[in-house]
Amino acid sequence: MKLYRMPLGMLGTNCYIVVDEQSNQCLVVDPGSDGEHVVEVLQEKNLNPLAVVLTHGHSDHIGGIQPIVDIYHCPIYVHKKDEPFLTDSRLNLSMYSGSTVEVHGEVRHVKEGDILSCGSLSFRVIETPGHTPGGVCYYGEGVLLAGDTLFRESVGRTDFPGGSFDDLAAAVSEKLFPLPEETVVYPGHGPETTIAHEKEYNPFVR
């Protein structure tokens, strides 16, 4: 597996391209803005995106989707509770930044326990509501694609519409912390961390 991290937009949202090196198939995770640049990288590296995969529906994670799906005609994977965020600028928060983000394409729902495959790679869906009602993480190949659920020594905000700190804390402690401690956590913002580090040092979840 090869993983490319691209911080995009004013908030530096981490877009990840997860590549099966045997087939050059890939998943594009949370392309938050500058979708044209993501397409350039895909073309430069001769990658074939099978899907756009979302951890949640906020605009800084979905704003770059449209150019990708328009060119590659790949589906968008999102939890059904966050599907309305794709076309509602209030829910996805874009209306508060002076712009409107709407995403249109083939939407497929993910839920707890689903397996997403990419060539020889596979990732299990873990439902982690709290930052948004339909927040999810993807676990596999020794990594956790955590979106805005878990950061290095922090967690996602829960003061947006549909947020719940209690739900987020429960998801992290009950579903993420039991993962192998060597699991590398790739968050939606900032540097990577590990489950072991967060269990020891994260002040928000004990």
N, C-alpha and C. Protein backbone atom coordinates (compact mmCIF):
# COMPACT_ATOMS: atom_id res chain seq x y z
N MET A 1 0.84 -1.19 0.00
CA MET A 1 0.00 0.00 0.00
C MET A 1 0.88 1.24 0.00
N LYS A 2 0.47 2.21 -0.80
CA LYS A 2 1.09 3.53 -0.76
C LYS A 2 0.01 4.54 -0.41
N LEU A 3 0.37 5.49 0.43
CA LEU A 3 -0.59 6.50 0.86
C LEU A 3 0.00 7.88 0.63
N TYR A 4 -0.74 8.70 -0.09
CA TYR A 4 -0.36 10.09 -0.33
C TYR A 4 -1.25 11.00 0.52
N ARG A 5 -0.64 11.96 1.20
CA ARG A 5 -1.40 12.94 1.99
C ARG A 5 -1.25 14.30 1.35
N MET A 6 -2.39 14.97 1.11
CA MET A 6 -2.39 16.30 0.51
C MET A 6 -3.24 17.24 1.35
N PRO A 7 -2.64 18.13 2.13
CA PRO A 7 -3.44 19.14 2.84
C PRO A 7 -4.03 20.13 1.82
N LEU A 8 -5.35 20.29 1.87
CA LEU A 8 -6.03 21.11 0.88
C LEU A 8 -6.85 22.20 1.55
N GLY A 9 -6.92 23.36 0.91
CA GLY A 9 -7.81 24.42 1.35
C GLY A 9 -7.28 25.23 2.51
N MET A 10 -8.07 26.22 2.91
CA MET A 10 -7.66 27.15 3.96
C MET A 10 -7.51 26.45 5.31
N LEU A 11 -8.24 25.35 5.51
CA LEU A 11 -8.17 24.65 6.79
C LEU A 11 -7.16 23.50 6.76
N GLY A 12 -6.46 23.35 5.65
CA GLY A 12 -5.46 22.29 5.56
C GLY A 12 -6.03 20.90 5.76
N THR A 13 -7.20 20.65 5.19
CA THR A 13 -7.83 19.34 5.33
C THR A 13 -7.01 18.28 4.62
N ASN A 14 -6.72 17.20 5.33
CA ASN A 14 -5.93 16.12 4.74
C ASN A 14 -6.78 15.28 3.80
N CYS A 15 -6.44 15.35 2.52
CA CYS A 15 -6.98 14.42 1.53
C CYS A 15 -5.96 13.29 1.39
N TYR A 16 -6.44 12.06 1.43
CA TYR A 16 -5.56 10.91 1.29
C TYR A 16 -5.90 10.15 0.02
N ILE A 17 -4.88 9.76 -0.71
CA ILE A 17 -5.03 8.83 -1.82
C ILE A 17 -4.38 7.53 -1.41
N VAL A 18 -5.19 6.49 -1.27
CA VAL A 18 -4.73 5.19 -0.82
C VAL A 18 -4.62 4.28 -2.03
N VAL A 19 -3.41 3.79 -2.30
CA VAL A 19 -3.11 3.13 -3.57
C VAL A 19 -2.74 1.66 -3.36
N ASP A 20 -3.37 0.79 -4.13
CA ASP A 20 -2.91 -0.59 -4.26
C ASP A 20 -1.85 -0.60 -5.36
N GLU A 21 -0.60 -0.81 -4.97
CA GLU A 21 0.50 -0.67 -5.92
C GLU A 21 0.53 -1.75 -6.98
N GLN A 22 -0.14 -2.87 -6.74
CA GLN A 22 -0.16 -3.93 -7.74
C GLN A 22 -1.02 -3.56 -8.95
N SER A 23 -2.10 -2.82 -8.69
CA SER A 23 -3.05 -2.53 -9.76
C SER A 23 -3.13 -1.05 -10.12
N ASN A 24 -2.55 -0.18 -9.29
CA ASN A 24 -2.68 1.28 -9.43
C ASN A 24 -4.11 1.76 -9.20
N GLN A 25 -4.94 0.89 -8.64
CA GLN A 25 -6.26 1.34 -8.21
C GLN A 25 -6.12 2.10 -6.90
N CYS A 26 -7.04 3.05 -6.67
CA CYS A 26 -6.93 3.85 -5.45
C CYS A 26 -8.30 4.29 -4.97
N LEU A 27 -8.30 4.74 -3.72
CA LEU A 27 -9.44 5.40 -3.11
C LEU A 27 -9.02 6.82 -2.79
N VAL A 28 -9.88 7.79 -3.08
CA VAL A 28 -9.62 9.19 -2.74
C VAL A 28 -10.47 9.53 -1.53
N VAL A 29 -9.80 9.82 -0.42
CA VAL A 29 -10.48 10.03 0.85
C VAL A 29 -10.53 11.52 1.18
N ASP A 30 -11.74 12.04 1.35
CA ASP A 30 -11.97 13.42 1.81
C ASP A 30 -11.25 14.49 0.97
N PRO A 31 -11.56 14.58 -0.32
CA PRO A 31 -10.98 15.67 -1.12
C PRO A 31 -11.70 16.99 -0.82
N GLY A 32 -11.14 17.77 0.10
CA GLY A 32 -11.86 18.90 0.67
C GLY A 32 -11.94 20.13 -0.21
N SER A 33 -10.99 20.31 -1.12
CA SER A 33 -11.03 21.43 -2.05
C SER A 33 -10.01 21.15 -3.14
N ASP A 34 -9.94 22.07 -4.13
CA ASP A 34 -8.95 21.96 -5.20
C ASP A 34 -8.98 20.59 -5.86
N GLY A 35 -10.18 20.18 -6.24
CA GLY A 35 -10.33 18.89 -6.89
C GLY A 35 -9.54 18.77 -8.17
N GLU A 36 -9.34 19.91 -8.86
CA GLU A 36 -8.55 19.88 -10.10
C GLU A 36 -7.11 19.45 -9.82
N HIS A 37 -6.57 19.89 -8.69
CA HIS A 37 -5.21 19.48 -8.32
C HIS A 37 -5.16 17.98 -8.01
N VAL A 38 -6.19 17.48 -7.33
CA VAL A 38 -6.25 16.05 -7.04
C VAL A 38 -6.27 15.26 -8.35
N VAL A 39 -7.04 15.73 -9.31
CA VAL A 39 -7.09 15.06 -10.62
C VAL A 39 -5.71 15.07 -11.27
N GLU A 40 -5.01 16.19 -11.18
CA GLU A 40 -3.66 16.27 -11.75
C GLU A 40 -2.73 15.23 -11.13
N VAL A 41 -2.83 15.05 -9.82
CA VAL A 41 -1.99 14.06 -9.14
C VAL A 41 -2.37 12.65 -9.59
N LEU A 42 -3.65 12.38 -9.69
CA LEU A 42 -4.11 11.06 -10.15
C LEU A 42 -3.57 10.77 -11.55
N GLN A 43 -3.64 11.76 -12.42
CA GLN A 43 -3.18 11.56 -13.79
C GLN A 43 -1.66 11.44 -13.86
N GLU A 44 -0.97 12.26 -13.08
CA GLU A 44 0.49 12.24 -13.07
C GLU A 44 1.02 10.87 -12.62
N LYS A 45 0.33 10.26 -11.65
CA LYS A 45 0.78 8.99 -11.10
C LYS A 45 0.08 7.80 -11.75
N ASN A 46 -0.74 8.10 -12.77
CA ASN A 46 -1.44 7.05 -13.53
C ASN A 46 -2.27 6.16 -12.62
N LEU A 47 -3.05 6.81 -11.74
CA LEU A 47 -3.88 6.09 -10.78
C LEU A 47 -5.32 6.02 -11.26
N ASN A 48 -5.99 4.95 -10.86
CA ASN A 48 -7.38 4.72 -11.25
C ASN A 48 -8.26 4.75 -10.00
N PRO A 49 -8.94 5.87 -9.72
CA PRO A 49 -9.78 5.94 -8.52
C PRO A 49 -11.05 5.11 -8.66
N LEU A 50 -11.24 4.20 -7.71
CA LEU A 50 -12.45 3.39 -7.70
C LEU A 50 -13.61 4.10 -7.02
N ALA A 51 -13.28 5.04 -6.11
CA ALA A 51 -14.34 5.72 -5.36
C ALA A 51 -13.76 6.93 -4.66
N VAL A 52 -14.64 7.88 -4.38
CA VAL A 52 -14.37 8.93 -3.41
C VAL A 52 -14.99 8.47 -2.10
N VAL A 53 -14.18 8.44 -1.06
CA VAL A 53 -14.61 7.88 0.23
C VAL A 53 -14.61 9.00 1.26
N LEU A 54 -15.74 9.19 1.94
CA LEU A 54 -15.89 10.30 2.88
C LEU A 54 -15.98 9.80 4.32
N THR A 55 -15.28 10.52 5.20
CA THR A 55 -15.43 10.26 6.62
C THR A 55 -16.64 11.00 7.18
N HIS A 56 -16.99 12.13 6.57
CA HIS A 56 -18.18 12.88 6.96
C HIS A 56 -18.44 13.95 5.90
N GLY A 57 -19.49 14.76 6.12
CA GLY A 57 -19.97 15.61 5.04
C GLY A 57 -19.71 17.09 5.15
N HIS A 58 -18.81 17.53 6.00
CA HIS A 58 -18.53 18.96 6.07
C HIS A 58 -17.83 19.45 4.81
N SER A 59 -18.05 20.72 4.50
CA SER A 59 -17.59 21.26 3.21
C SER A 59 -16.08 21.18 3.04
N ASP A 60 -15.33 21.27 4.14
CA ASP A 60 -13.87 21.21 4.00
C ASP A 60 -13.37 19.80 3.74
N HIS A 61 -14.31 18.84 3.66
CA HIS A 61 -13.95 17.46 3.30
C HIS A 61 -14.59 17.02 2.00
N ILE A 62 -15.51 17.82 1.46
CA ILE A 62 -16.21 17.41 0.24
C ILE A 62 -16.06 18.40 -0.91
N GLY A 63 -15.45 19.56 -0.66
CA GLY A 63 -15.45 20.64 -1.64
C GLY A 63 -14.72 20.36 -2.93
N GLY A 64 -13.85 19.34 -2.95
CA GLY A 64 -13.11 19.02 -4.17
C GLY A 64 -13.61 17.79 -4.90
N ILE A 65 -14.76 17.29 -4.49
CA ILE A 65 -15.25 16.04 -5.07
C ILE A 65 -15.65 16.17 -6.53
N GLN A 66 -16.37 17.25 -6.88
CA GLN A 66 -17.04 17.30 -8.18
C GLN A 66 -16.11 17.08 -9.37
N PRO A 67 -14.95 17.74 -9.45
CA PRO A 67 -14.09 17.48 -10.61
C PRO A 67 -13.64 16.02 -10.72
N ILE A 68 -13.49 15.36 -9.58
CA ILE A 68 -13.04 13.97 -9.60
C ILE A 68 -14.13 13.06 -10.15
N VAL A 69 -15.36 13.20 -9.65
CA VAL A 69 -16.42 12.32 -10.12
C VAL A 69 -16.85 12.67 -11.54
N ASP A 70 -16.72 13.93 -11.92
CA ASP A 70 -17.07 14.31 -13.29
C ASP A 70 -16.14 13.66 -14.31
N ILE A 71 -14.87 13.52 -13.96
CA ILE A 71 -13.89 12.95 -14.88
C ILE A 71 -13.86 11.43 -14.81
N TYR A 72 -13.88 10.89 -13.59
CA TYR A 72 -13.69 9.44 -13.43
C TYR A 72 -15.00 8.68 -13.25
N HIS A 73 -16.10 9.38 -13.04
CA HIS A 73 -17.42 8.76 -12.89
C HIS A 73 -17.42 7.69 -11.80
N CYS A 74 -16.69 7.96 -10.73
CA CYS A 74 -16.63 7.01 -9.62
C CYS A 74 -17.68 7.36 -8.57
N PRO A 75 -18.13 6.38 -7.81
CA PRO A 75 -19.16 6.65 -6.80
C PRO A 75 -18.58 7.35 -5.58
N ILE A 76 -19.49 7.91 -4.79
CA ILE A 76 -19.15 8.61 -3.54
C ILE A 76 -19.69 7.76 -2.39
N TYR A 77 -18.81 7.34 -1.50
CA TYR A 77 -19.22 6.55 -0.35
C TYR A 77 -19.35 7.45 0.87
N VAL A 78 -20.51 7.41 1.52
CA VAL A 78 -20.78 8.24 2.68
C VAL A 78 -21.85 7.55 3.52
N HIS A 79 -21.84 7.77 4.83
CA HIS A 79 -22.91 7.25 5.68
C HIS A 79 -24.22 7.94 5.33
N LYS A 80 -25.33 7.21 5.41
CA LYS A 80 -26.62 7.77 4.98
C LYS A 80 -27.02 8.99 5.81
N LYS A 81 -26.58 9.06 7.07
CA LYS A 81 -26.95 10.22 7.89
C LYS A 81 -26.23 11.48 7.46
N ASP A 82 -25.12 11.34 6.74
CA ASP A 82 -24.40 12.51 6.24
C ASP A 82 -24.65 12.77 4.76
N GLU A 83 -25.42 11.94 4.10
CA GLU A 83 -25.71 12.20 2.69
C GLU A 83 -26.37 13.57 2.49
N PRO A 84 -27.30 14.03 3.36
CA PRO A 84 -27.89 15.36 3.15
C PRO A 84 -26.87 16.48 3.17
N PHE A 85 -25.73 16.28 3.81
CA PHE A 85 -24.69 17.31 3.86
C PHE A 85 -24.15 17.63 2.47
N LEU A 86 -24.25 16.68 1.55
CA LEU A 86 -23.66 16.87 0.23
C LEU A 86 -24.33 17.99 -0.56
N THR A 87 -25.58 18.26 -0.25
CA THR A 87 -26.32 19.26 -1.02
C THR A 87 -26.94 20.36 -0.15
N ASP A 88 -26.65 20.36 1.15
CA ASP A 88 -27.23 21.35 2.07
C ASP A 88 -26.09 22.20 2.62
N SER A 89 -26.02 23.45 2.18
CA SER A 89 -24.91 24.32 2.58
C SER A 89 -24.96 24.71 4.05
N ARG A 90 -26.12 24.59 4.67
CA ARG A 90 -26.20 24.85 6.11
C ARG A 90 -25.58 23.69 6.88
N LEU A 91 -25.94 22.49 6.52
CA LEU A 91 -25.39 21.32 7.20
C LEU A 91 -23.89 21.18 6.97
N ASN A 92 -23.47 21.41 5.71
CA ASN A 92 -22.04 21.21 5.44
C ASN A 92 -21.19 22.43 5.79
N LEU A 93 -21.87 23.48 6.28
CA LEU A 93 -21.23 24.69 6.83
C LEU A 93 -20.68 25.65 5.78
N SER A 94 -20.83 25.34 4.50
CA SER A 94 -20.25 26.23 3.49
C SER A 94 -20.94 27.58 3.45
N MET A 95 -22.22 27.64 3.84
CA MET A 95 -22.93 28.91 3.78
C MET A 95 -22.33 29.94 4.74
N TYR A 96 -21.64 29.47 5.77
CA TYR A 96 -21.06 30.38 6.74
C TYR A 96 -19.71 30.93 6.30
N SER A 97 -19.18 30.40 5.20
CA SER A 97 -17.90 30.89 4.69
C SER A 97 -18.06 31.72 3.43
N GLY A 98 -19.30 32.03 3.09
CA GLY A 98 -19.56 32.90 1.94
C GLY A 98 -19.60 32.19 0.61
N SER A 99 -19.64 30.85 0.63
CA SER A 99 -19.73 30.09 -0.61
C SER A 99 -20.74 28.97 -0.40
N THR A 100 -21.10 28.32 -1.49
CA THR A 100 -22.04 27.21 -1.41
C THR A 100 -21.40 25.97 -2.03
N VAL A 101 -21.27 24.94 -1.23
CA VAL A 101 -20.74 23.67 -1.72
C VAL A 101 -21.88 22.69 -1.89
N GLU A 102 -22.03 22.19 -3.10
CA GLU A 102 -22.98 21.12 -3.39
C GLU A 102 -22.27 20.06 -4.22
N VAL A 103 -22.53 18.82 -3.90
CA VAL A 103 -21.88 17.70 -4.60
C VAL A 103 -22.96 16.80 -5.18
N HIS A 104 -22.79 16.46 -6.45
CA HIS A 104 -23.75 15.59 -7.13
C HIS A 104 -23.01 14.44 -7.79
N GLY A 105 -23.56 13.26 -7.64
CA GLY A 105 -22.96 12.08 -8.23
C GLY A 105 -23.65 10.84 -7.70
N GLU A 106 -23.11 9.68 -8.04
CA GLU A 106 -23.65 8.41 -7.56
C GLU A 106 -23.22 8.22 -6.11
N VAL A 107 -24.20 8.18 -5.21
CA VAL A 107 -23.92 8.05 -3.78
C VAL A 107 -24.21 6.61 -3.34
N ARG A 108 -23.25 6.05 -2.61
CA ARG A 108 -23.43 4.73 -2.01
C ARG A 108 -23.21 4.86 -0.51
N HIS A 109 -24.06 4.19 0.26
CA HIS A 109 -24.00 4.31 1.70
C HIS A 109 -23.04 3.30 2.31
N VAL A 110 -22.36 3.74 3.37
CA VAL A 110 -21.54 2.82 4.16
C VAL A 110 -22.14 2.73 5.56
N LYS A 111 -21.89 1.60 6.21
CA LYS A 111 -22.39 1.40 7.57
C LYS A 111 -21.39 0.53 8.33
N GLU A 112 -21.60 0.44 9.62
CA GLU A 112 -20.72 -0.33 10.50
C GLU A 112 -20.45 -1.73 9.95
N GLY A 113 -19.18 -2.08 9.84
CA GLY A 113 -18.80 -3.42 9.43
C GLY A 113 -18.63 -3.63 7.95
N ASP A 114 -19.07 -2.67 7.12
CA ASP A 114 -18.86 -2.80 5.68
C ASP A 114 -17.36 -2.87 5.38
N ILE A 115 -17.02 -3.57 4.31
CA ILE A 115 -15.64 -3.67 3.86
C ILE A 115 -15.52 -2.99 2.49
N LEU A 116 -14.62 -2.03 2.40
CA LEU A 116 -14.31 -1.40 1.12
C LEU A 116 -13.01 -1.99 0.61
N SER A 117 -13.03 -2.47 -0.62
CA SER A 117 -11.86 -3.11 -1.21
C SER A 117 -11.28 -2.24 -2.31
N CYS A 118 -9.97 -2.31 -2.43
CA CYS A 118 -9.25 -1.60 -3.49
C CYS A 118 -8.08 -2.48 -3.89
N GLY A 119 -8.25 -3.24 -4.98
CA GLY A 119 -7.23 -4.22 -5.33
C GLY A 119 -7.07 -5.22 -4.20
N SER A 120 -5.87 -5.36 -3.69
CA SER A 120 -5.60 -6.29 -2.60
C SER A 120 -5.85 -5.68 -1.23
N LEU A 121 -6.21 -4.40 -1.18
CA LEU A 121 -6.41 -3.70 0.09
C LEU A 121 -7.87 -3.78 0.54
N SER A 122 -8.09 -3.76 1.84
CA SER A 122 -9.45 -3.73 2.34
C SER A 122 -9.50 -2.90 3.63
N PHE A 123 -10.63 -2.21 3.79
CA PHE A 123 -10.82 -1.32 4.93
C PHE A 123 -12.22 -1.54 5.49
N ARG A 124 -12.29 -1.63 6.81
CA ARG A 124 -13.56 -1.85 7.50
C ARG A 124 -14.13 -0.52 7.97
N VAL A 125 -15.42 -0.33 7.78
CA VAL A 125 -16.11 0.88 8.21
C VAL A 125 -16.41 0.79 9.70
N ILE A 126 -16.04 1.85 10.43
CA ILE A 126 -16.37 1.97 11.85
C ILE A 126 -17.20 3.23 12.02
N GLU A 127 -18.42 3.09 12.48
CA GLU A 127 -19.27 4.26 12.70
C GLU A 127 -18.81 5.00 13.95
N THR A 128 -18.51 6.29 13.77
CA THR A 128 -18.03 7.12 14.89
C THR A 128 -18.77 8.46 14.90
N PRO A 129 -20.06 8.44 15.20
CA PRO A 129 -20.82 9.70 15.23
C PRO A 129 -20.34 10.60 16.35
N GLY A 130 -20.63 11.88 16.21
CA GLY A 130 -20.27 12.84 17.24
C GLY A 130 -19.85 14.16 16.63
N HIS A 131 -18.88 14.11 15.72
CA HIS A 131 -18.53 15.32 14.96
C HIS A 131 -19.67 15.65 14.01
N THR A 132 -20.18 14.63 13.34
CA THR A 132 -21.43 14.69 12.58
C THR A 132 -22.21 13.43 12.89
N PRO A 133 -23.52 13.40 12.58
CA PRO A 133 -24.30 12.19 12.89
C PRO A 133 -23.82 10.96 12.13
N GLY A 134 -23.28 11.16 10.93
CA GLY A 134 -22.86 10.03 10.11
C GLY A 134 -21.36 9.89 9.97
N GLY A 135 -20.62 10.37 10.95
CA GLY A 135 -19.17 10.26 10.88
C GLY A 135 -18.71 8.81 10.92
N VAL A 136 -17.72 8.48 10.12
CA VAL A 136 -17.16 7.14 10.10
C VAL A 136 -15.64 7.22 9.99
N CYS A 137 -14.98 6.13 10.37
CA CYS A 137 -13.56 5.93 10.14
C CYS A 137 -13.40 4.66 9.31
N TYR A 138 -12.23 4.51 8.71
CA TYR A 138 -11.93 3.33 7.89
C TYR A 138 -10.65 2.69 8.41
N TYR A 139 -10.74 1.42 8.79
CA TYR A 139 -9.61 0.72 9.39
C TYR A 139 -9.16 -0.46 8.53
N GLY A 140 -7.87 -0.51 8.26
CA GLY A 140 -7.32 -1.64 7.53
C GLY A 140 -5.87 -1.40 7.18
N GLU A 141 -5.17 -2.45 6.86
CA GLU A 141 -3.77 -2.36 6.43
C GLU A 141 -2.90 -1.64 7.46
N GLY A 142 -3.28 -1.77 8.73
CA GLY A 142 -2.49 -1.17 9.81
C GLY A 142 -2.71 0.31 10.03
N VAL A 143 -3.71 0.89 9.35
CA VAL A 143 -3.95 2.32 9.49
C VAL A 143 -5.42 2.58 9.79
N LEU A 144 -5.67 3.75 10.35
CA LEU A 144 -7.03 4.24 10.59
C LEU A 144 -7.16 5.59 9.92
N LEU A 145 -8.08 5.69 8.96
CA LEU A 145 -8.41 6.96 8.33
C LEU A 145 -9.53 7.56 9.16
N ALA A 146 -9.17 8.55 9.99
CA ALA A 146 -10.03 8.94 11.10
C ALA A 146 -10.88 10.17 10.86
N GLY A 147 -10.68 10.88 9.73
CA GLY A 147 -11.46 12.09 9.52
C GLY A 147 -11.30 13.05 10.69
N ASP A 148 -12.41 13.65 11.12
CA ASP A 148 -12.36 14.60 12.22
C ASP A 148 -12.85 13.98 13.53
N THR A 149 -12.78 12.66 13.62
CA THR A 149 -13.13 11.99 14.87
C THR A 149 -11.99 12.08 15.87
N LEU A 150 -10.78 11.78 15.41
CA LEU A 150 -9.63 11.70 16.31
C LEU A 150 -8.44 12.38 15.67
N PHE A 151 -7.83 13.31 16.41
CA PHE A 151 -6.61 13.99 16.01
C PHE A 151 -5.48 13.63 16.97
N ARG A 152 -4.29 14.09 16.67
CA ARG A 152 -3.19 13.93 17.61
C ARG A 152 -3.48 14.77 18.86
N GLU A 153 -3.73 14.06 19.96
CA GLU A 153 -4.01 14.66 21.26
C GLU A 153 -5.22 15.58 21.23
N SER A 154 -6.18 15.27 20.38
CA SER A 154 -7.41 16.05 20.34
C SER A 154 -8.51 15.23 19.67
N VAL A 155 -9.69 15.80 19.61
CA VAL A 155 -10.83 15.18 18.92
C VAL A 155 -11.55 16.27 18.14
N GLY A 156 -12.50 15.85 17.32
CA GLY A 156 -13.24 16.79 16.49
C GLY A 156 -14.21 17.64 17.30
N ARG A 157 -14.52 18.80 16.75
CA ARG A 157 -15.51 19.67 17.37
C ARG A 157 -16.89 19.01 17.35
N THR A 158 -17.68 19.33 18.37
CA THR A 158 -19.03 18.76 18.45
C THR A 158 -20.10 19.83 18.61
N ASP A 159 -19.74 21.09 18.32
CA ASP A 159 -20.69 22.18 18.48
C ASP A 159 -21.37 22.57 17.18
N PHE A 160 -21.20 21.77 16.14
CA PHE A 160 -21.89 22.00 14.87
C PHE A 160 -23.23 21.26 14.88
N PRO A 161 -24.13 21.58 13.92
CA PRO A 161 -25.42 20.88 13.87
C PRO A 161 -25.25 19.36 13.83
N GLY A 162 -25.95 18.69 14.74
CA GLY A 162 -25.90 17.24 14.79
C GLY A 162 -24.75 16.68 15.58
N GLY A 163 -23.93 17.55 16.19
CA GLY A 163 -22.78 17.07 16.94
C GLY A 163 -23.14 16.63 18.35
N SER A 164 -22.31 15.74 18.91
CA SER A 164 -22.52 15.26 20.27
C SER A 164 -21.18 14.82 20.84
N PHE A 165 -20.70 15.51 21.88
CA PHE A 165 -19.44 15.10 22.49
C PHE A 165 -19.55 13.73 23.13
N ASP A 166 -20.66 13.44 23.78
CA ASP A 166 -20.83 12.14 24.42
C ASP A 166 -20.73 11.01 23.40
N ASP A 167 -21.37 11.20 22.24
CA ASP A 167 -21.30 10.18 21.20
C ASP A 167 -19.87 10.03 20.67
N LEU A 168 -19.20 11.15 20.48
CA LEU A 168 -17.84 11.11 19.96
C LEU A 168 -16.90 10.41 20.94
N ALA A 169 -16.97 10.80 22.20
CA ALA A 169 -16.10 10.20 23.20
C ALA A 169 -16.35 8.70 23.33
N ALA A 170 -17.61 8.30 23.27
CA ALA A 170 -17.94 6.88 23.36
C ALA A 170 -17.38 6.12 22.16
N ALA A 171 -17.50 6.70 20.97
CA ALA A 171 -17.00 6.05 19.77
C ALA A 171 -15.49 5.86 19.84
N VAL A 172 -14.79 6.89 20.29
CA VAL A 172 -13.33 6.80 20.37
C VAL A 172 -12.91 5.76 21.40
N SER A 173 -13.50 5.81 22.59
CA SER A 173 -13.08 4.92 23.67
C SER A 173 -13.51 3.47 23.43
N GLU A 174 -14.70 3.28 22.84
CA GLU A 174 -15.24 1.93 22.71
C GLU A 174 -14.89 1.27 21.39
N LYS A 175 -14.62 2.06 20.34
CA LYS A 175 -14.38 1.47 19.03
C LYS A 175 -12.97 1.68 18.50
N LEU A 176 -12.37 2.83 18.79
CA LEU A 176 -11.04 3.12 18.24
C LEU A 176 -9.92 2.69 19.18
N PHE A 177 -10.05 2.97 20.47
CA PHE A 177 -8.98 2.62 21.40
C PHE A 177 -8.74 1.11 21.52
N PRO A 178 -9.74 0.26 21.27
CA PRO A 178 -9.45 -1.18 21.30
C PRO A 178 -8.65 -1.68 20.07
N LEU A 179 -8.47 -0.85 19.05
CA LEU A 179 -7.68 -1.28 17.90
C LEU A 179 -6.24 -1.52 18.33
N PRO A 180 -5.46 -2.29 17.53
CA PRO A 180 -4.06 -2.51 17.89
C PRO A 180 -3.33 -1.20 18.13
N GLU A 181 -2.52 -1.18 19.20
CA GLU A 181 -1.90 0.08 19.61
C GLU A 181 -0.95 0.64 18.57
N GLU A 182 -0.40 -0.23 17.72
CA GLU A 182 0.53 0.25 16.68
C GLU A 182 -0.18 0.83 15.47
N THR A 183 -1.51 0.81 15.46
CA THR A 183 -2.27 1.37 14.35
C THR A 183 -1.90 2.84 14.14
N VAL A 184 -1.56 3.19 12.91
CA VAL A 184 -1.24 4.59 12.58
C VAL A 184 -2.54 5.30 12.24
N VAL A 185 -2.78 6.42 12.92
CA VAL A 185 -4.00 7.19 12.74
C VAL A 185 -3.70 8.36 11.81
N TYR A 186 -4.42 8.41 10.68
CA TYR A 186 -4.31 9.52 9.74
C TYR A 186 -5.56 10.38 9.88
N PRO A 187 -5.43 11.54 10.52
CA PRO A 187 -6.61 12.37 10.81
C PRO A 187 -6.96 13.33 9.68
N GLY A 188 -8.11 13.98 9.84
CA GLY A 188 -8.57 14.93 8.83
C GLY A 188 -7.79 16.23 8.81
N HIS A 189 -7.08 16.53 9.90
CA HIS A 189 -6.26 17.73 9.98
C HIS A 189 -5.03 17.39 10.82
N GLY A 190 -3.91 17.95 10.46
CA GLY A 190 -2.72 17.79 11.28
C GLY A 190 -1.98 16.50 11.05
N PRO A 191 -0.97 16.24 11.90
CA PRO A 191 -0.07 15.10 11.68
C PRO A 191 -0.69 13.78 12.11
N GLU A 192 -0.09 12.71 11.63
CA GLU A 192 -0.54 11.39 12.04
C GLU A 192 -0.14 11.12 13.48
N THR A 193 -0.76 10.09 14.06
CA THR A 193 -0.47 9.67 15.42
C THR A 193 -0.66 8.16 15.47
N THR A 194 -0.72 7.60 16.66
CA THR A 194 -0.99 6.17 16.82
C THR A 194 -2.05 5.99 17.90
N ILE A 195 -2.68 4.84 17.87
CA ILE A 195 -3.66 4.52 18.92
C ILE A 195 -2.98 4.52 20.28
N ALA A 196 -1.77 3.96 20.37
CA ALA A 196 -1.06 3.92 21.65
C ALA A 196 -0.83 5.32 22.19
N HIS A 197 -0.43 6.24 21.32
CA HIS A 197 -0.16 7.60 21.77
C HIS A 197 -1.43 8.26 22.28
N GLU A 198 -2.53 8.06 21.58
CA GLU A 198 -3.78 8.73 21.98
C GLU A 198 -4.33 8.15 23.27
N LYS A 199 -4.19 6.86 23.46
CA LYS A 199 -4.65 6.26 24.72
C LYS A 199 -3.88 6.83 25.90
N GLU A 200 -2.63 7.19 25.66
CA GLU A 200 -1.78 7.69 26.74
C GLU A 200 -1.93 9.19 26.94
N TYR A 201 -2.08 9.95 25.85
CA TYR A 201 -1.92 11.40 25.95
C TYR A 201 -3.15 12.22 25.54
N ASN A 202 -4.16 11.60 24.97
CA ASN A 202 -5.31 12.41 24.54
C ASN A 202 -6.11 12.87 25.76
N PRO A 203 -6.20 14.18 26.00
CA PRO A 203 -6.86 14.66 27.22
C PRO A 203 -8.39 14.64 27.14
N PHE A 204 -8.94 14.40 25.96
CA PHE A 204 -10.38 14.49 25.80
C PHE A 204 -11.10 13.17 26.00
N VAL A 205 -10.37 12.07 25.84
CA VAL A 205 -11.00 10.74 25.96
C VAL A 205 -10.11 9.88 26.85
N ARG A 206 -10.69 9.32 27.88
CA ARG A 206 -9.94 8.45 28.79
C ARG A 206 -10.63 7.09 28.90
